[in-house]
Amino acid sequence: MQEETISAVITALGEGAVGIVRISGENALAVGEKMFRAASGKKLAEYAPNTLVYGHVYEEDSLIDEVLAVYMKAPRSYTAEDVVEIQCHGGVQSLKKILELSYKEGARPAEPGEFTKRAFLNGRIDLTQAEAIIDMINSKTRKEQDASMKQLEGELSKEINKIRDLIMQKMVD
């Protein structure tokens, strides 16, 4: 697990109904809880992990947006780290403000591909699956998407492991 907590917008930038800011790392929950107030008055940590919670993002006492937030406890997250995702209105200003607020509260900007890099380094995915993610994002046809999905599910890794095991067995024999 990486020590630094990172944050980034994980949805396409531009106008849209919903945008998502992801915060990942050992302080993700602390950063998220500094920004998010559940409508129930409970802390995000008081909900079962992977529960979508309705509330608002505030900067001190200034309302930023009406949102949904979810806390995913390691290792059951995309990065295999603690993750908080905030689903807000998809306008550029709302996303920008929530992202800046996450930096103010202790996260640093994620580098391009860093969430996937962490998933790989934390053993959640292997290299062929990491490559499949970029293929999935860039797929233009259903056939390309299907192939990427099979690779992401580990089909290529299973075949490579079978071949490796056969080679290792031949070396032992």
C-alpha atoms as a PDB file:
ATOM      1  CA  MET A   1       0.000   0.000   0.000  1.00  0.00           C
ATOM      2  CA  GLN A   2       1.262   3.460  -0.879  1.00  0.00           C
ATOM      3  CA  GLU A   3       1.727   5.958   1.942  1.00  0.00           C
ATOM      4  CA  GLU A   4       0.474   9.058   0.160  1.00  0.00           C
ATOM      5  CA  THR A   5      -3.221   9.611  -0.330  1.00  0.00           C
ATOM      6  CA  ILE A   6      -4.106  10.632  -3.881  1.00  0.00           C
ATOM      7  CA  SER A   7      -7.152  12.148  -5.526  1.00  0.00           C
ATOM      8  CA  ALA A   8      -8.426  12.730  -9.056  1.00  0.00           C
ATOM      9  CA  VAL A   9     -11.550  13.099 -11.146  1.00  0.00           C
ATOM     10  CA  ILE A  10     -12.189   9.653 -12.617  1.00  0.00           C
ATOM     11  CA  THR A  11     -14.982  10.576 -15.012  1.00  0.00           C
ATOM     12  CA  ALA A  12     -14.590  12.395 -18.302  1.00  0.00           C
ATOM     13  CA  LEU A  13     -14.259  16.133 -17.883  1.00  0.00           C
ATOM     14  CA  GLY A  14     -16.979  18.252 -19.389  1.00  0.00           C
ATOM     15  CA  GLU A  15     -20.616  18.848 -18.724  1.00  0.00           C
ATOM     16  CA  GLY A  16     -22.547  15.830 -17.550  1.00  0.00           C
ATOM     17  CA  ALA A  17     -25.115  14.765 -15.008  1.00  0.00           C
ATOM     18  CA  VAL A  18     -22.598  13.045 -12.709  1.00  0.00           C
ATOM     19  CA  GLY A  19     -18.892  13.314 -12.032  1.00  0.00           C
ATOM     20  CA  ILE A  20     -16.799  11.278  -9.623  1.00  0.00           C
ATOM     21  CA  VAL A  21     -13.798  12.239  -7.513  1.00  0.00           C
ATOM     22  CA  ARG A  22     -11.778   9.275  -6.193  1.00  0.00           C
ATOM     23  CA  ILE A  23      -9.561   9.506  -3.107  1.00  0.00           C
ATOM     24  CA  SER A  24      -7.253   6.535  -2.452  1.00  0.00           C
ATOM     25  CA  GLY A  25      -4.693   5.736   0.207  1.00  0.00           C
ATOM     26  CA  GLU A  26      -4.345   5.230   3.924  1.00  0.00           C
ATOM     27  CA  ASN A  27      -5.910   8.632   4.728  1.00  0.00           C
ATOM     28  CA  ALA A  28      -8.743   8.449   2.185  1.00  0.00           C
ATOM     29  CA  LEU A  29     -11.434   8.097   4.839  1.00  0.00           C
ATOM     30  CA  ALA A  30     -10.046  10.992   6.911  1.00  0.00           C
ATOM     31  CA  VAL A  31      -9.877  13.236   3.823  1.00  0.00           C
ATOM     32  CA  GLY A  32     -13.384  12.232   2.748  1.00  0.00           C
ATOM     33  CA  GLU A  33     -14.865  12.793   6.183  1.00  0.00           C
ATOM     34  CA  LYS A  34     -13.397  16.315   6.364  1.00  0.00           C
ATOM     35  CA  MET A  35     -15.347  17.194   3.213  1.00  0.00           C
ATOM     36  CA  PHE A  36     -18.509  15.082   3.360  1.00  0.00           C
ATOM     37  CA  ARG A  37     -21.445  15.412   5.724  1.00  0.00           C
ATOM     38  CA  ALA A  38     -24.070  12.687   5.530  1.00  0.00           C
ATOM     39  CA  ALA A  39     -27.662  13.924   5.645  1.00  0.00           C
ATOM     40  CA  SER A  40     -28.205  11.465   8.512  1.00  0.00           C
ATOM     41  CA  GLY A  41     -25.549  13.201  10.597  1.00  0.00           C
ATOM     42  CA  LYS A  42     -23.505   9.990  10.811  1.00  0.00           C
ATOM     43  CA  LYS A  43     -19.838   9.760   9.814  1.00  0.00           C
ATOM     44  CA  LEU A  44     -19.002   7.860   6.639  1.00  0.00           C
ATOM     45  CA  ALA A  45     -17.076   5.327   8.750  1.00  0.00           C
ATOM     46  CA  GLU A  46     -20.288   4.505  10.652  1.00  0.00           C
ATOM     47  CA  TYR A  47     -21.816   2.986   7.517  1.00  0.00           C
ATOM     48  CA  ALA A  48     -20.935  -0.471   6.295  1.00  0.00           C
ATOM     49  CA  PRO A  49     -18.203  -0.312   3.626  1.00  0.00           C
ATOM     50  CA  ASN A  50     -19.514  -0.065   0.057  1.00  0.00           C
ATOM     51  CA  THR A  51     -22.703   1.692   1.163  1.00  0.00           C
ATOM     52  CA  LEU A  52     -23.727   4.675  -0.940  1.00  0.00           C
ATOM     53  CA  VAL A  53     -24.523   7.579   1.387  1.00  0.00           C
ATOM     54  CA  TYR A  54     -26.479  10.737   0.567  1.00  0.00           C
ATOM     55  CA  GLY A  55     -25.179  14.068   1.840  1.00  0.00           C
ATOM     56  CA  HIS A  56     -23.264  17.213   0.978  1.00  0.00           C
ATOM     57  CA  VAL A  57     -19.697  18.394   0.487  1.00  0.00           C
ATOM     58  CA  TYR A  58     -18.731  21.438   2.497  1.00  0.00           C
ATOM     59  CA  GLU A  59     -15.647  23.601   2.693  1.00  0.00           C
ATOM     60  CA  GLU A  60     -15.852  24.638   6.331  1.00  0.00           C
ATOM     61  CA  ASP A  61     -19.465  25.952   6.478  1.00  0.00           C
ATOM     62  CA  SER A  62     -19.772  26.706   2.768  1.00  0.00           C
ATOM     63  CA  LEU A  63     -21.959  24.230   0.829  1.00  0.00           C
ATOM     64  CA  ILE A  64     -20.209  22.982  -2.324  1.00  0.00           C
ATOM     65  CA  ASP A  65     -22.581  20.330  -3.722  1.00  0.00           C
ATOM     66  CA  GLU A  66     -25.239  17.726  -2.978  1.00  0.00           C
ATOM     67  CA  VAL A  67     -23.528  14.345  -3.416  1.00  0.00           C
ATOM     68  CA  LEU A  68     -23.419  10.619  -2.850  1.00  0.00           C
ATOM     69  CA  ALA A  69     -20.322   9.192  -1.179  1.00  0.00           C
ATOM     70  CA  VAL A  70     -19.051   5.673  -0.686  1.00  0.00           C
ATOM     71  CA  TYR A  71     -16.213   4.328   1.464  1.00  0.00           C
ATOM     72  CA  MET A  72     -14.498   1.172   0.208  1.00  0.00           C
ATOM     73  CA  LYS A  73     -12.271  -0.470   2.801  1.00  0.00           C
ATOM     74  CA  ALA A  74      -9.015  -2.059   1.671  1.00  0.00           C
ATOM     75  CA  PRO A  75      -8.527  -4.490   0.067  1.00  0.00           C
ATOM     76  CA  ARG A  76     -12.026  -4.423  -1.477  1.00  0.00           C
ATOM     77  CA  SER A  77     -11.522  -1.437  -3.749  1.00  0.00           C
ATOM     78  CA  TYR A  78     -10.120  -0.689  -7.192  1.00  0.00           C
ATOM     79  CA  THR A  79      -6.657   0.084  -5.799  1.00  0.00           C
ATOM     80  CA  ALA A  80      -6.848  -2.470  -2.935  1.00  0.00           C
ATOM     81  CA  GLU A  81      -6.433   0.543  -0.632  1.00  0.00           C
ATOM     82  CA  ASP A  82      -8.978   2.506   1.367  1.00  0.00           C
ATOM     83  CA  VAL A  83     -10.981   4.532  -1.160  1.00  0.00           C
ATOM     84  CA  VAL A  84     -13.640   7.215  -0.908  1.00  0.00           C
ATOM     85  CA  GLU A  85     -15.541   8.172  -4.030  1.00  0.00           C
ATOM     86  CA  ILE A  86     -17.707  11.249  -4.171  1.00  0.00           C
ATOM     87  CA  GLN A  87     -20.382  11.351  -6.863  1.00  0.00           C
ATOM     88  CA  CYS A  88     -21.329  14.954  -7.485  1.00  0.00           C
ATOM     89  CA  HIS A  89     -23.015  16.959 -10.201  1.00  0.00           C
ATOM     90  CA  GLY A  90     -20.924  16.618 -13.339  1.00  0.00           C
ATOM     91  CA  GLY A  91     -20.279  20.283 -13.978  1.00  0.00           C
ATOM     92  CA  VAL A  92     -16.656  21.317 -14.281  1.00  0.00           C
ATOM     93  CA  GLN A  93     -16.849  23.813 -11.393  1.00  0.00           C
ATOM     94  CA  SER A  94     -18.291  21.318  -8.908  1.00  0.00           C
ATOM     95  CA  LEU A  95     -15.698  18.675  -9.775  1.00  0.00           C
ATOM     96  CA  LYS A  96     -12.882  21.205  -9.701  1.00  0.00           C
ATOM     97  CA  LYS A  97     -13.915  22.549  -6.295  1.00  0.00           C
ATOM     98  CA  ILE A  98     -14.315  19.093  -4.713  1.00  0.00           C
ATOM     99  CA  LEU A  99     -10.974  17.983  -6.157  1.00  0.00           C
ATOM    100  CA  GLU A 100      -9.214  21.122  -4.859  1.00  0.00           C
ATOM    101  CA  LEU A 101     -10.844  20.576  -1.475  1.00  0.00           C
ATOM    102  CA  SER A 102      -9.510  17.000  -1.365  1.00  0.00           C
ATOM    103  CA  TYR A 103      -6.001  18.412  -1.887  1.00  0.00           C
ATOM    104  CA  LYS A 104      -6.558  20.985   0.853  1.00  0.00           C
ATOM    105  CA  GLU A 105      -7.648  18.202   3.222  1.00  0.00           C
ATOM    106  CA  GLY A 106      -4.533  16.082   2.659  1.00  0.00           C
ATOM    107  CA  ALA A 107      -4.605  14.258  -0.668  1.00  0.00           C
ATOM    108  CA  ARG A 108      -2.207  15.017  -3.498  1.00  0.00           C
ATOM    109  CA  PRO A 109      -3.028  15.000  -7.214  1.00  0.00           C
ATOM    110  CA  ALA A 110      -2.933  11.511  -8.698  1.00  0.00           C
ATOM    111  CA  GLU A 111      -0.648  11.043 -11.673  1.00  0.00           C
ATOM    112  CA  PRO A 112      -2.234   9.732 -14.887  1.00  0.00           C
ATOM    113  CA  GLY A 113      -2.824   5.997 -14.450  1.00  0.00           C
ATOM    114  CA  GLU A 114      -1.806   6.031 -10.791  1.00  0.00           C
ATOM    115  CA  PHE A 115      -4.959   4.329  -9.506  1.00  0.00           C
ATOM    116  CA  THR A 116      -4.314   1.411 -11.874  1.00  0.00           C
ATOM    117  CA  LYS A 117      -0.611   1.438 -10.982  1.00  0.00           C
ATOM    118  CA  ARG A 118      -1.549   1.092  -7.321  1.00  0.00           C
ATOM    119  CA  ALA A 119      -3.962  -1.736  -8.122  1.00  0.00           C
ATOM    120  CA  PHE A 120      -1.059  -3.506  -9.843  1.00  0.00           C
ATOM    121  CA  LEU A 121       1.508  -2.774  -7.111  1.00  0.00           C
ATOM    122  CA  ASN A 122      -0.957  -3.913  -4.441  1.00  0.00           C
ATOM    123  CA  GLY A 123      -1.515  -7.226  -6.233  1.00  0.00           C
ATOM    124  CA  ARG A 124      -5.149  -6.655  -7.146  1.00  0.00           C
ATOM    125  CA  ILE A 125      -4.430  -6.988 -10.867  1.00  0.00           C
ATOM    126  CA  ASP A 126      -1.508  -8.325 -12.880  1.00  0.00           C
ATOM    127  CA  LEU A 127       0.291  -6.605 -15.752  1.00  0.00           C
ATOM    128  CA  THR A 128      -1.922  -8.055 -18.488  1.00  0.00           C
ATOM    129  CA  GLN A 129      -5.007  -6.869 -16.610  1.00  0.00           C
ATOM    130  CA  ALA A 130      -3.496  -3.390 -16.167  1.00  0.00           C
ATOM    131  CA  GLU A 131      -2.906  -3.270 -19.919  1.00  0.00           C
ATOM    132  CA  ALA A 132      -6.481  -4.426 -20.515  1.00  0.00           C
ATOM    133  CA  ILE A 133      -7.804  -1.402 -18.662  1.00  0.00           C
ATOM    134  CA  ILE A 134      -6.291   1.056 -21.136  1.00  0.00           C
ATOM    135  CA  ASP A 135      -7.506  -1.178 -23.984  1.00  0.00           C
ATOM    136  CA  MET A 136     -11.014  -1.102 -22.486  1.00  0.00           C
ATOM    137  CA  ILE A 137     -10.935   2.680 -22.218  1.00  0.00           C
ATOM    138  CA  ASN A 138      -9.727   3.026 -25.808  1.00  0.00           C
ATOM    139  CA  SER A 139     -11.986   0.365 -27.356  1.00  0.00           C
ATOM    140  CA  LYS A 140     -14.001   1.618 -30.316  1.00  0.00           C
ATOM    141  CA  THR A 141     -16.004  -1.504 -31.134  1.00  0.00           C
ATOM    142  CA  ARG A 142     -17.930  -4.095 -29.159  1.00  0.00           C
ATOM    143  CA  LYS A 143     -15.424  -6.741 -30.279  1.00  0.00           C
ATOM    144  CA  GLU A 144     -12.512  -4.715 -28.887  1.00  0.00           C
ATOM    145  CA  GLN A 145     -14.409  -4.167 -25.640  1.00  0.00           C
ATOM    146  CA  ASP A 146     -15.192  -7.891 -25.323  1.00  0.00           C
ATOM    147  CA  ALA A 147     -11.540  -8.824 -25.884  1.00  0.00           C
ATOM    148  CA  SER A 148     -10.416  -6.254 -23.318  1.00  0.00           C
ATOM    149  CA  MET A 149     -12.959  -7.526 -20.810  1.00  0.00           C
ATOM    150  CA  LYS A 150     -11.766 -11.125 -21.196  1.00  0.00           C
ATOM    151  CA  GLN A 151      -8.194  -9.979 -20.639  1.00  0.00           C
ATOM    152  CA  LEU A 152      -9.276  -7.906 -17.639  1.00  0.00           C
ATOM    153  CA  GLU A 153     -11.043 -10.956 -16.172  1.00  0.00           C
ATOM    154  CA  GLY A 154      -7.708 -12.798 -16.353  1.00  0.00           C
ATOM    155  CA  GLU A 155      -8.137 -15.116 -19.335  1.00  0.00           C
ATOM    156  CA  LEU A 156      -4.762 -14.179 -20.834  1.00  0.00           C
ATOM    157  CA  SER A 157      -3.084 -14.481 -17.433  1.00  0.00           C
ATOM    158  CA  LYS A 158      -4.524 -17.985 -16.986  1.00  0.00           C
ATOM    159  CA  GLU A 159      -3.182 -19.074 -20.383  1.00  0.00           C
ATOM    160  CA  ILE A 160       0.249 -17.586 -19.671  1.00  0.00           C
ATOM    161  CA  ASN A 161       0.327 -19.338 -16.293  1.00  0.00           C
ATOM    162  CA  LYS A 162      -0.585 -22.683 -17.912  1.00  0.00           C
ATOM    163  CA  ILE A 163       2.274 -22.305 -20.400  1.00  0.00           C
ATOM    164  CA  ARG A 164       4.682 -21.247 -17.652  1.00  0.00           C
ATOM    165  CA  ASP A 165       3.667 -24.240 -15.527  1.00  0.00           C
ATOM    166  CA  LEU A 166       4.217 -26.592 -18.483  1.00  0.00           C
ATOM    167  CA  ILE A 167       7.677 -25.135 -19.111  1.00  0.00           C
ATOM    168  CA  MET A 168       8.573 -25.386 -15.422  1.00  0.00           C
ATOM    169  CA  GLN A 169       7.382 -29.005 -15.314  1.00  0.00           C
ATOM    170  CA  LYS A 170       9.475 -29.863 -18.406  1.00  0.00           C
ATOM    171  CA  MET A 171      12.529 -28.306 -16.741  1.00  0.00           C
ATOM    172  CA  VAL A 172      11.980 -30.438 -13.618  1.00  0.00           C
ATOM    173  CA  ASP A 173      11.436 -33.663 -15.593  1.00  0.00           C
END
